[in-house]
N, C-alpha and C. Protein backbone atom coordinates (compact mmCIF):
# COMPACT_ATOMS: atom_id res chain seq x y z
N UNK A 1 56.36 -73.16 -44.02
CA UNK A 1 57.16 -74.37 -44.21
C UNK A 1 56.47 -75.23 -45.26
N UNK A 2 57.17 -75.59 -46.30
CA UNK A 2 56.60 -76.44 -47.35
C UNK A 2 56.80 -77.90 -46.99
N UNK A 3 56.11 -78.76 -47.72
CA UNK A 3 56.25 -80.20 -47.45
C UNK A 3 57.67 -80.67 -47.73
N UNK A 4 58.40 -79.94 -48.57
CA UNK A 4 59.80 -80.30 -48.84
C UNK A 4 60.68 -80.07 -47.62
N UNK A 5 60.24 -79.16 -46.71
CA UNK A 5 61.04 -78.83 -45.52
C UNK A 5 60.78 -79.77 -44.35
N UNK A 6 59.70 -80.52 -44.41
CA UNK A 6 59.36 -81.40 -43.30
C UNK A 6 60.23 -82.64 -43.36
N UNK A 7 60.95 -82.93 -42.25
CA UNK A 7 61.77 -84.14 -42.25
C UNK A 7 60.88 -85.37 -42.34
N UNK A 8 61.43 -86.40 -42.88
CA UNK A 8 60.69 -87.64 -43.07
C UNK A 8 61.17 -88.70 -42.09
N UNK A 9 60.61 -88.73 -40.89
CA UNK A 9 61.03 -89.74 -39.92
C UNK A 9 60.36 -91.08 -40.20
N UNK A 10 60.74 -91.69 -41.31
CA UNK A 10 60.12 -92.95 -41.70
C UNK A 10 60.66 -94.10 -40.88
N UNK A 11 59.77 -94.87 -40.28
CA UNK A 11 60.25 -96.16 -39.79
C UNK A 11 60.50 -97.03 -41.03
N UNK A 12 61.42 -97.93 -40.94
CA UNK A 12 61.70 -98.79 -42.09
C UNK A 12 60.99 -100.11 -41.93
N UNK A 13 60.44 -100.58 -43.04
CA UNK A 13 59.90 -101.92 -43.05
C UNK A 13 61.10 -102.85 -42.88
N UNK A 14 60.85 -104.11 -42.55
CA UNK A 14 61.94 -105.04 -42.26
C UNK A 14 63.12 -104.90 -43.21
N UNK A 15 62.94 -105.13 -44.50
CA UNK A 15 64.04 -105.00 -45.43
C UNK A 15 63.63 -104.18 -46.64
N UNK A 16 62.64 -103.36 -46.45
CA UNK A 16 62.12 -102.62 -47.58
C UNK A 16 62.37 -101.13 -47.47
N UNK A 17 61.68 -100.39 -48.29
CA UNK A 17 61.84 -98.95 -48.32
C UNK A 17 61.21 -98.30 -47.09
N UNK A 18 61.46 -97.00 -46.92
CA UNK A 18 60.86 -96.29 -45.78
C UNK A 18 59.34 -96.36 -45.84
N UNK A 19 58.73 -96.42 -44.67
CA UNK A 19 57.28 -96.48 -44.55
C UNK A 19 56.78 -95.09 -44.16
N UNK A 20 55.79 -94.54 -44.87
CA UNK A 20 55.30 -93.21 -44.53
C UNK A 20 54.58 -93.21 -43.18
N UNK A 21 54.61 -92.07 -42.54
CA UNK A 21 53.97 -91.91 -41.24
C UNK A 21 52.77 -90.98 -41.38
N UNK A 22 51.99 -90.88 -40.31
CA UNK A 22 50.86 -89.96 -40.29
C UNK A 22 51.35 -88.53 -40.50
N UNK A 23 52.44 -88.18 -39.88
CA UNK A 23 53.00 -86.84 -40.03
C UNK A 23 53.36 -86.56 -41.49
N UNK A 24 53.97 -87.54 -42.14
CA UNK A 24 54.30 -87.41 -43.55
C UNK A 24 53.03 -87.20 -44.36
N UNK A 25 52.02 -88.03 -44.12
CA UNK A 25 50.78 -87.93 -44.89
C UNK A 25 50.15 -86.56 -44.74
N UNK A 26 50.10 -86.05 -43.52
CA UNK A 26 49.45 -84.77 -43.26
C UNK A 26 50.27 -83.57 -43.73
N UNK A 27 51.50 -83.80 -44.18
CA UNK A 27 52.35 -82.69 -44.62
C UNK A 27 51.96 -82.15 -45.99
N UNK A 28 51.10 -82.87 -46.72
CA UNK A 28 50.70 -82.42 -48.05
C UNK A 28 49.36 -83.04 -48.43
N UNK A 29 48.48 -82.25 -49.05
CA UNK A 29 47.22 -82.85 -49.52
C UNK A 29 47.46 -83.93 -50.58
N UNK A 30 48.56 -83.83 -51.32
CA UNK A 30 48.91 -84.86 -52.31
C UNK A 30 49.18 -86.19 -51.63
N UNK A 31 49.82 -86.13 -50.47
CA UNK A 31 50.10 -87.36 -49.73
C UNK A 31 48.81 -87.96 -49.17
N UNK A 32 47.89 -87.11 -48.71
CA UNK A 32 46.60 -87.60 -48.20
C UNK A 32 45.87 -88.35 -49.31
N UNK A 33 45.87 -87.78 -50.52
CA UNK A 33 45.22 -88.44 -51.66
C UNK A 33 45.93 -89.75 -51.99
N UNK A 34 47.25 -89.69 -52.16
CA UNK A 34 48.01 -90.87 -52.58
C UNK A 34 47.91 -92.00 -51.56
N UNK A 35 47.90 -91.65 -50.29
CA UNK A 35 47.87 -92.66 -49.23
C UNK A 35 46.44 -93.01 -48.82
N UNK A 36 45.48 -92.65 -49.66
CA UNK A 36 44.09 -93.06 -49.43
C UNK A 36 43.53 -92.61 -48.10
N UNK A 37 43.82 -91.34 -47.74
CA UNK A 37 43.33 -90.76 -46.48
C UNK A 37 43.74 -91.60 -45.27
N UNK A 38 44.86 -92.27 -45.38
CA UNK A 38 45.40 -93.04 -44.26
C UNK A 38 45.33 -94.54 -44.43
N UNK A 39 44.52 -95.04 -45.36
CA UNK A 39 44.43 -96.49 -45.53
C UNK A 39 45.75 -97.07 -46.01
N UNK A 40 46.57 -96.28 -46.67
CA UNK A 40 47.88 -96.75 -47.13
C UNK A 40 48.94 -96.77 -46.04
N UNK A 41 48.59 -96.28 -44.85
CA UNK A 41 49.54 -96.29 -43.74
C UNK A 41 49.52 -97.62 -42.98
N UNK A 42 48.68 -98.53 -43.38
CA UNK A 42 48.60 -99.84 -42.72
C UNK A 42 50.00 -100.47 -42.69
N UNK A 43 50.36 -101.11 -41.59
CA UNK A 43 51.70 -101.68 -41.48
C UNK A 43 51.94 -102.90 -42.37
N UNK A 44 50.87 -103.49 -42.91
CA UNK A 44 50.99 -104.63 -43.82
C UNK A 44 49.78 -104.59 -44.76
N UNK A 45 49.90 -105.18 -45.91
CA UNK A 45 48.81 -105.31 -46.89
C UNK A 45 48.12 -103.99 -47.18
N UNK A 46 48.91 -102.95 -47.42
CA UNK A 46 48.35 -101.61 -47.66
C UNK A 46 47.37 -101.61 -48.83
N UNK A 47 47.68 -102.34 -49.88
CA UNK A 47 46.78 -102.40 -51.03
C UNK A 47 45.44 -102.99 -50.68
N UNK A 48 45.43 -103.98 -49.81
CA UNK A 48 44.18 -104.58 -49.37
C UNK A 48 43.39 -103.59 -48.53
N UNK A 49 44.07 -102.87 -47.65
CA UNK A 49 43.39 -101.86 -46.85
C UNK A 49 42.86 -100.74 -47.74
N UNK A 50 43.62 -100.35 -48.75
CA UNK A 50 43.16 -99.33 -49.69
C UNK A 50 41.94 -99.79 -50.46
N UNK A 51 41.92 -101.06 -50.87
CA UNK A 51 40.78 -101.60 -51.60
C UNK A 51 39.56 -101.68 -50.69
N UNK A 52 39.74 -102.05 -49.43
CA UNK A 52 38.63 -102.04 -48.48
C UNK A 52 38.10 -100.62 -48.26
N UNK A 53 39.01 -99.65 -48.19
CA UNK A 53 38.58 -98.24 -48.06
C UNK A 53 37.78 -97.82 -49.29
N UNK A 54 38.21 -98.27 -50.47
CA UNK A 54 37.48 -97.95 -51.70
C UNK A 54 36.07 -98.51 -51.63
N UNK A 55 35.94 -99.74 -51.17
CA UNK A 55 34.64 -100.39 -51.07
C UNK A 55 33.74 -99.62 -50.11
N UNK A 56 34.28 -99.27 -48.94
CA UNK A 56 33.50 -98.50 -47.97
C UNK A 56 33.09 -97.14 -48.52
N UNK A 57 34.01 -96.45 -49.17
CA UNK A 57 33.68 -95.14 -49.74
C UNK A 57 32.64 -95.28 -50.84
N UNK A 58 32.74 -96.34 -51.62
CA UNK A 58 31.77 -96.57 -52.69
C UNK A 58 30.36 -96.74 -52.11
N UNK A 59 30.25 -97.57 -51.08
CA UNK A 59 28.94 -97.82 -50.46
C UNK A 59 28.35 -96.50 -49.95
N UNK A 60 29.18 -95.66 -49.34
CA UNK A 60 28.69 -94.38 -48.82
C UNK A 60 28.32 -93.42 -49.94
N UNK A 61 29.19 -93.27 -50.92
CA UNK A 61 28.98 -92.28 -51.98
C UNK A 61 27.93 -92.70 -53.00
N UNK A 62 27.73 -94.00 -53.18
CA UNK A 62 26.81 -94.47 -54.21
C UNK A 62 25.37 -94.02 -53.95
N UNK A 63 25.06 -93.69 -52.71
CA UNK A 63 23.73 -93.20 -52.37
C UNK A 63 23.45 -91.84 -53.02
N UNK A 64 24.51 -91.05 -53.22
CA UNK A 64 24.34 -89.68 -53.69
C UNK A 64 24.83 -89.45 -55.12
N UNK A 65 25.65 -90.33 -55.63
CA UNK A 65 26.22 -90.11 -56.96
C UNK A 65 25.47 -90.88 -58.04
N UNK A 66 25.17 -90.19 -59.11
CA UNK A 66 24.61 -90.85 -60.30
C UNK A 66 25.77 -91.46 -61.07
N UNK A 67 25.48 -92.16 -62.15
CA UNK A 67 26.56 -92.69 -62.99
C UNK A 67 27.42 -91.56 -63.55
N UNK A 68 26.80 -90.43 -63.88
CA UNK A 68 27.55 -89.27 -64.36
C UNK A 68 28.44 -88.73 -63.25
N UNK A 69 27.91 -88.66 -62.05
CA UNK A 69 28.71 -88.21 -60.91
C UNK A 69 29.90 -89.13 -60.66
N UNK A 70 29.66 -90.44 -60.75
CA UNK A 70 30.76 -91.40 -60.59
C UNK A 70 31.80 -91.22 -61.70
N UNK A 71 31.34 -91.04 -62.92
CA UNK A 71 32.28 -90.86 -64.04
C UNK A 71 33.16 -89.64 -63.81
N UNK A 72 32.56 -88.55 -63.36
CA UNK A 72 33.34 -87.33 -63.09
C UNK A 72 34.31 -87.54 -61.93
N UNK A 73 33.84 -88.19 -60.87
CA UNK A 73 34.72 -88.46 -59.72
C UNK A 73 35.87 -89.38 -60.12
N UNK A 74 35.58 -90.40 -60.89
CA UNK A 74 36.63 -91.34 -61.32
C UNK A 74 37.64 -90.65 -62.21
N UNK A 75 37.18 -89.84 -63.16
CA UNK A 75 38.12 -89.12 -64.03
C UNK A 75 39.00 -88.16 -63.22
N UNK A 76 38.39 -87.44 -62.29
CA UNK A 76 39.16 -86.51 -61.45
C UNK A 76 40.15 -87.28 -60.58
N UNK A 77 39.72 -88.41 -60.04
CA UNK A 77 40.60 -89.20 -59.18
C UNK A 77 41.75 -89.82 -59.98
N UNK A 78 41.47 -90.24 -61.20
CA UNK A 78 42.56 -90.75 -62.05
C UNK A 78 43.60 -89.66 -62.30
N UNK A 79 43.15 -88.47 -62.66
CA UNK A 79 44.07 -87.38 -62.95
C UNK A 79 44.83 -86.94 -61.70
N UNK A 80 44.09 -86.55 -60.66
CA UNK A 80 44.74 -86.06 -59.46
C UNK A 80 45.45 -87.18 -58.69
N UNK A 81 44.93 -88.40 -58.81
CA UNK A 81 45.59 -89.54 -58.18
C UNK A 81 46.95 -89.83 -58.80
N UNK A 82 47.03 -89.74 -60.12
CA UNK A 82 48.33 -89.94 -60.79
C UNK A 82 49.30 -88.86 -60.35
N UNK A 83 48.82 -87.64 -60.28
CA UNK A 83 49.67 -86.52 -59.83
C UNK A 83 50.12 -86.74 -58.39
N UNK A 84 49.18 -87.13 -57.53
CA UNK A 84 49.50 -87.36 -56.12
C UNK A 84 50.47 -88.54 -55.96
N UNK A 85 50.27 -89.60 -56.72
CA UNK A 85 51.16 -90.76 -56.65
C UNK A 85 52.57 -90.37 -57.09
N UNK A 86 52.66 -89.57 -58.14
CA UNK A 86 53.96 -89.10 -58.63
C UNK A 86 54.67 -88.27 -57.55
N UNK A 87 53.97 -87.29 -57.00
CA UNK A 87 54.57 -86.41 -55.99
C UNK A 87 54.96 -87.18 -54.73
N UNK A 88 54.08 -88.07 -54.29
CA UNK A 88 54.36 -88.83 -53.08
C UNK A 88 55.49 -89.82 -53.32
N UNK A 89 55.50 -90.48 -54.48
CA UNK A 89 56.59 -91.39 -54.82
C UNK A 89 57.94 -90.67 -54.85
N UNK A 90 57.97 -89.48 -55.42
CA UNK A 90 59.21 -88.70 -55.45
C UNK A 90 59.66 -88.36 -54.04
N UNK A 91 58.72 -87.97 -53.19
CA UNK A 91 59.05 -87.58 -51.81
C UNK A 91 59.52 -88.79 -50.99
N UNK A 92 58.94 -89.96 -51.27
CA UNK A 92 59.34 -91.18 -50.57
C UNK A 92 60.59 -91.82 -51.18
N UNK A 93 60.99 -91.32 -52.36
CA UNK A 93 62.11 -91.88 -53.12
C UNK A 93 61.84 -93.32 -53.53
N UNK A 94 60.56 -93.63 -53.75
CA UNK A 94 60.13 -94.95 -54.22
C UNK A 94 59.05 -94.68 -55.26
N UNK A 95 59.33 -94.97 -56.51
CA UNK A 95 58.40 -94.61 -57.59
C UNK A 95 57.01 -95.19 -57.39
N UNK A 96 56.91 -96.44 -56.92
CA UNK A 96 55.61 -97.08 -56.74
C UNK A 96 55.56 -97.74 -55.37
N UNK A 97 55.52 -96.91 -54.35
CA UNK A 97 55.46 -97.42 -52.98
C UNK A 97 54.17 -98.21 -52.79
N UNK A 98 54.25 -99.32 -52.11
CA UNK A 98 53.07 -100.10 -51.80
C UNK A 98 52.10 -99.36 -50.91
N UNK A 99 52.55 -98.28 -50.29
CA UNK A 99 51.69 -97.50 -49.41
C UNK A 99 50.82 -96.51 -50.18
N UNK A 100 51.17 -96.26 -51.43
CA UNK A 100 50.33 -95.43 -52.29
C UNK A 100 49.18 -96.31 -52.76
N UNK A 101 47.96 -95.97 -52.33
CA UNK A 101 46.80 -96.83 -52.60
C UNK A 101 45.70 -96.14 -53.41
N UNK A 102 45.93 -94.92 -53.85
CA UNK A 102 44.91 -94.25 -54.64
C UNK A 102 44.62 -95.05 -55.92
N UNK A 103 45.61 -95.76 -56.40
CA UNK A 103 45.42 -96.59 -57.60
C UNK A 103 44.44 -97.73 -57.34
N UNK A 104 44.57 -98.39 -56.20
CA UNK A 104 43.61 -99.44 -55.83
C UNK A 104 42.22 -98.84 -55.65
N UNK A 105 42.15 -97.68 -55.03
CA UNK A 105 40.86 -97.06 -54.74
C UNK A 105 40.10 -96.77 -56.02
N UNK A 106 40.71 -96.05 -56.94
CA UNK A 106 39.98 -95.66 -58.16
C UNK A 106 39.69 -96.88 -59.04
N UNK A 107 40.62 -97.81 -59.12
CA UNK A 107 40.39 -99.00 -59.95
C UNK A 107 39.25 -99.84 -59.38
N UNK A 108 39.18 -99.98 -58.06
CA UNK A 108 38.10 -100.77 -57.48
C UNK A 108 36.76 -100.05 -57.57
N UNK A 109 36.77 -98.71 -57.53
CA UNK A 109 35.52 -97.97 -57.78
C UNK A 109 34.98 -98.32 -59.16
N UNK A 110 35.87 -98.39 -60.14
CA UNK A 110 35.45 -98.73 -61.51
C UNK A 110 34.82 -100.12 -61.52
N UNK A 111 35.48 -101.06 -60.85
CA UNK A 111 34.94 -102.43 -60.79
C UNK A 111 33.54 -102.41 -60.17
N UNK A 112 33.41 -101.79 -59.01
CA UNK A 112 32.12 -101.78 -58.32
C UNK A 112 31.04 -101.08 -59.14
N UNK A 113 31.41 -100.01 -59.80
CA UNK A 113 30.44 -99.27 -60.61
C UNK A 113 29.93 -100.10 -61.78
N UNK A 114 30.80 -100.93 -62.34
CA UNK A 114 30.43 -101.70 -63.53
C UNK A 114 29.83 -103.07 -63.23
N UNK A 115 29.72 -103.43 -61.95
CA UNK A 115 29.03 -104.67 -61.60
C UNK A 115 27.54 -104.52 -61.93
N UNK A 116 26.87 -105.63 -62.20
CA UNK A 116 25.42 -105.53 -62.47
C UNK A 116 24.70 -104.81 -61.34
N UNK A 117 23.79 -103.93 -61.71
CA UNK A 117 23.08 -103.06 -60.77
C UNK A 117 21.89 -103.70 -60.08
N UNK A 118 21.16 -104.44 -60.80
CA UNK A 118 19.85 -104.86 -60.33
C UNK A 118 19.83 -106.33 -59.95
N UNK A 119 19.93 -106.69 -58.76
CA UNK A 119 20.51 -105.89 -57.69
C UNK A 119 22.03 -105.99 -57.75
N UNK A 120 22.73 -105.11 -57.07
CA UNK A 120 24.19 -105.19 -56.99
C UNK A 120 24.47 -106.09 -55.79
N UNK A 121 24.54 -107.40 -56.02
CA UNK A 121 24.63 -108.34 -54.89
C UNK A 121 25.97 -108.23 -54.15
N UNK A 122 25.88 -108.38 -52.84
CA UNK A 122 27.08 -108.30 -52.00
C UNK A 122 28.09 -109.39 -52.31
N UNK A 123 27.61 -110.59 -52.63
CA UNK A 123 28.55 -111.69 -52.93
C UNK A 123 29.35 -111.38 -54.18
N UNK A 124 28.75 -110.69 -55.13
CA UNK A 124 29.46 -110.35 -56.36
C UNK A 124 30.55 -109.32 -56.08
N UNK A 125 30.24 -108.35 -55.22
CA UNK A 125 31.25 -107.37 -54.82
C UNK A 125 32.39 -108.05 -54.05
N UNK A 126 32.05 -109.01 -53.21
CA UNK A 126 33.08 -109.75 -52.47
C UNK A 126 33.96 -110.56 -53.42
N UNK A 127 33.33 -111.20 -54.41
CA UNK A 127 34.11 -111.95 -55.41
C UNK A 127 35.00 -110.99 -56.20
N UNK A 128 34.47 -109.82 -56.54
CA UNK A 128 35.26 -108.82 -57.27
C UNK A 128 36.45 -108.36 -56.43
N UNK A 129 36.23 -108.19 -55.12
CA UNK A 129 37.32 -107.80 -54.21
C UNK A 129 38.44 -108.83 -54.26
N UNK A 130 38.08 -110.10 -54.11
CA UNK A 130 39.08 -111.18 -54.10
C UNK A 130 39.81 -111.24 -55.44
N UNK A 131 39.07 -111.21 -56.53
CA UNK A 131 39.69 -111.26 -57.86
C UNK A 131 40.62 -110.07 -58.09
N UNK A 132 40.16 -108.88 -57.74
CA UNK A 132 40.97 -107.68 -57.94
C UNK A 132 42.27 -107.77 -57.15
N UNK A 133 42.18 -108.19 -55.89
CA UNK A 133 43.40 -108.31 -55.07
C UNK A 133 44.33 -109.37 -55.66
N UNK A 134 43.78 -110.49 -56.14
CA UNK A 134 44.61 -111.54 -56.74
C UNK A 134 45.34 -111.01 -57.97
N UNK A 135 44.63 -110.32 -58.86
CA UNK A 135 45.27 -109.77 -60.06
C UNK A 135 46.30 -108.70 -59.69
N UNK A 136 45.98 -107.87 -58.69
CA UNK A 136 46.90 -106.80 -58.30
C UNK A 136 48.16 -107.36 -57.64
N UNK A 137 48.02 -108.41 -56.87
CA UNK A 137 49.18 -109.00 -56.19
C UNK A 137 49.99 -109.88 -57.14
N UNK A 138 49.33 -110.76 -57.89
CA UNK A 138 50.03 -111.70 -58.77
C UNK A 138 50.64 -111.00 -59.99
N UNK A 139 50.02 -109.92 -60.43
CA UNK A 139 50.49 -109.15 -61.58
C UNK A 139 50.78 -110.02 -62.81
N UNK A 140 49.74 -110.70 -63.32
CA UNK A 140 49.97 -111.49 -64.54
C UNK A 140 50.24 -110.54 -65.72
N UNK A 141 50.83 -111.08 -66.79
CA UNK A 141 51.06 -110.22 -67.96
C UNK A 141 49.73 -109.68 -68.47
N UNK A 142 49.68 -108.48 -68.90
CA UNK A 142 50.71 -107.46 -69.05
C UNK A 142 50.88 -106.57 -67.83
N UNK A 143 50.20 -106.90 -66.71
CA UNK A 143 50.28 -106.04 -65.52
C UNK A 143 51.72 -105.94 -65.04
N UNK A 144 52.42 -107.06 -64.95
CA UNK A 144 53.81 -107.04 -64.46
C UNK A 144 54.69 -106.18 -65.37
N UNK A 145 54.48 -106.30 -66.69
CA UNK A 145 55.27 -105.52 -67.64
C UNK A 145 55.01 -104.03 -67.45
N UNK A 146 53.73 -103.63 -67.32
CA UNK A 146 53.40 -102.22 -67.11
C UNK A 146 53.99 -101.71 -65.81
N UNK A 147 53.89 -102.53 -64.76
CA UNK A 147 54.41 -102.15 -63.45
C UNK A 147 55.92 -101.92 -63.50
N UNK A 148 56.64 -102.74 -64.24
CA UNK A 148 58.09 -102.62 -64.33
C UNK A 148 58.51 -101.49 -65.27
N UNK A 149 57.72 -101.23 -66.29
CA UNK A 149 58.11 -100.27 -67.33
C UNK A 149 57.83 -98.82 -66.98
N UNK A 150 56.70 -98.54 -66.38
CA UNK A 150 56.29 -97.16 -66.12
C UNK A 150 56.39 -96.84 -64.64
N UNK A 151 57.44 -96.14 -64.28
CA UNK A 151 57.70 -95.80 -62.88
C UNK A 151 57.40 -94.32 -62.65
N UNK A 152 56.11 -93.98 -62.82
CA UNK A 152 55.67 -92.62 -62.55
C UNK A 152 54.21 -92.71 -62.10
N UNK A 153 53.58 -91.56 -61.89
CA UNK A 153 52.20 -91.56 -61.41
C UNK A 153 51.23 -92.26 -62.34
N UNK A 154 51.42 -92.09 -63.64
CA UNK A 154 50.53 -92.75 -64.61
C UNK A 154 50.74 -94.26 -64.54
N UNK A 155 51.98 -94.70 -64.43
CA UNK A 155 52.27 -96.13 -64.32
C UNK A 155 51.68 -96.74 -63.07
N UNK A 156 51.71 -95.99 -61.97
CA UNK A 156 51.12 -96.46 -60.71
C UNK A 156 49.64 -96.76 -60.93
N UNK A 157 48.95 -95.86 -61.63
CA UNK A 157 47.52 -96.02 -61.87
C UNK A 157 47.24 -97.11 -62.91
N UNK A 158 48.08 -97.19 -63.92
CA UNK A 158 47.81 -98.04 -65.08
C UNK A 158 47.73 -99.53 -64.74
N UNK A 159 48.66 -100.04 -63.95
CA UNK A 159 48.63 -101.48 -63.67
C UNK A 159 47.38 -101.89 -62.90
N UNK A 160 46.87 -101.02 -62.05
CA UNK A 160 45.64 -101.34 -61.32
C UNK A 160 44.41 -101.25 -62.21
N UNK A 161 44.45 -100.37 -63.20
CA UNK A 161 43.35 -100.31 -64.16
C UNK A 161 43.27 -101.60 -64.97
N UNK A 162 44.42 -102.17 -65.31
CA UNK A 162 44.42 -103.44 -66.04
C UNK A 162 43.93 -104.57 -65.11
N UNK A 163 44.31 -104.53 -63.83
CA UNK A 163 43.81 -105.51 -62.87
C UNK A 163 42.29 -105.39 -62.75
N UNK A 164 41.76 -104.17 -62.79
CA UNK A 164 40.31 -103.96 -62.75
C UNK A 164 39.66 -104.55 -64.00
N UNK A 165 40.28 -104.34 -65.15
CA UNK A 165 39.76 -104.90 -66.40
C UNK A 165 39.71 -106.42 -66.33
N UNK A 166 40.78 -107.05 -65.87
CA UNK A 166 40.80 -108.51 -65.74
C UNK A 166 39.71 -108.99 -64.78
N UNK A 167 39.53 -108.27 -63.68
CA UNK A 167 38.50 -108.61 -62.71
C UNK A 167 37.13 -108.59 -63.36
N UNK A 168 36.84 -107.52 -64.08
CA UNK A 168 35.55 -107.39 -64.74
C UNK A 168 35.37 -108.44 -65.84
N UNK A 169 36.45 -108.77 -66.54
CA UNK A 169 36.39 -109.78 -67.59
C UNK A 169 36.03 -111.15 -67.00
N UNK A 170 36.69 -111.52 -65.92
CA UNK A 170 36.41 -112.81 -65.28
C UNK A 170 34.97 -112.85 -64.76
N UNK A 171 34.52 -111.75 -64.15
CA UNK A 171 33.14 -111.71 -63.64
C UNK A 171 32.14 -111.79 -64.80
N UNK A 172 32.40 -111.06 -65.88
CA UNK A 172 31.49 -111.11 -67.03
C UNK A 172 31.42 -112.51 -67.63
N UNK A 173 32.57 -113.15 -67.77
CA UNK A 173 32.58 -114.52 -68.31
C UNK A 173 31.87 -115.48 -67.37
N UNK A 174 32.13 -115.35 -66.08
CA UNK A 174 31.46 -116.20 -65.10
C UNK A 174 29.96 -115.97 -65.09
N UNK A 175 29.55 -114.71 -65.20
CA UNK A 175 28.13 -114.37 -65.22
C UNK A 175 27.47 -114.94 -66.47
N UNK A 176 28.14 -114.77 -67.60
CA UNK A 176 27.58 -115.23 -68.88
C UNK A 176 27.46 -116.74 -68.95
N UNK A 177 28.52 -117.43 -68.51
CA UNK A 177 28.54 -118.89 -68.65
C UNK A 177 27.98 -119.60 -67.42
N UNK A 178 27.94 -118.89 -66.28
CA UNK A 178 27.48 -119.54 -65.06
C UNK A 178 26.01 -119.33 -64.78
N UNK A 179 25.52 -118.11 -64.98
CA UNK A 179 24.14 -117.82 -64.61
C UNK A 179 23.30 -117.28 -65.74
N UNK A 180 23.89 -117.11 -66.87
CA UNK A 180 23.17 -116.47 -67.97
C UNK A 180 23.40 -114.99 -67.96
N UNK A 181 22.93 -114.30 -68.95
CA UNK A 181 23.17 -112.86 -69.02
C UNK A 181 22.38 -112.13 -67.94
N UNK A 182 22.89 -110.97 -67.48
CA UNK A 182 22.24 -110.25 -66.38
C UNK A 182 20.89 -109.71 -66.70
């Protein structure tokens, strides 16, 4: 039985699109990737839960991954995440479902990786979390334009990458003008 044969018993959000279930997620490895290993199944604020999952995974993996290892993981996650987001979006009949959180995960990994290392202070990661969520939710230009224009797996990933860039820009400016260079 392929994932195309599995019925989709989606509960519906109040007035929104169908919400994926655990059964749906487990029906395909692409769905597991796109839904952030379950963090995207949260009944509300899926993007926030996905970003928290990214932070937790980063803390665990950072012990074992070098910068080269992170670069390879991020590139692979961007590629396979776009593919997974595309496949899952098609299956959900929603091009950019809020439950697809692989975009938040990989974009926030980039943010955390590029924060100052010595030391990588917890307050800075917390500030980055808040800024990233604000940019991802508010979608200032050009994020809103990208989100509306590209309704495929690449588009799903792209708007969060721009939110990550804005997050890093604000942190860099704050660091430079607030505390001096790192």
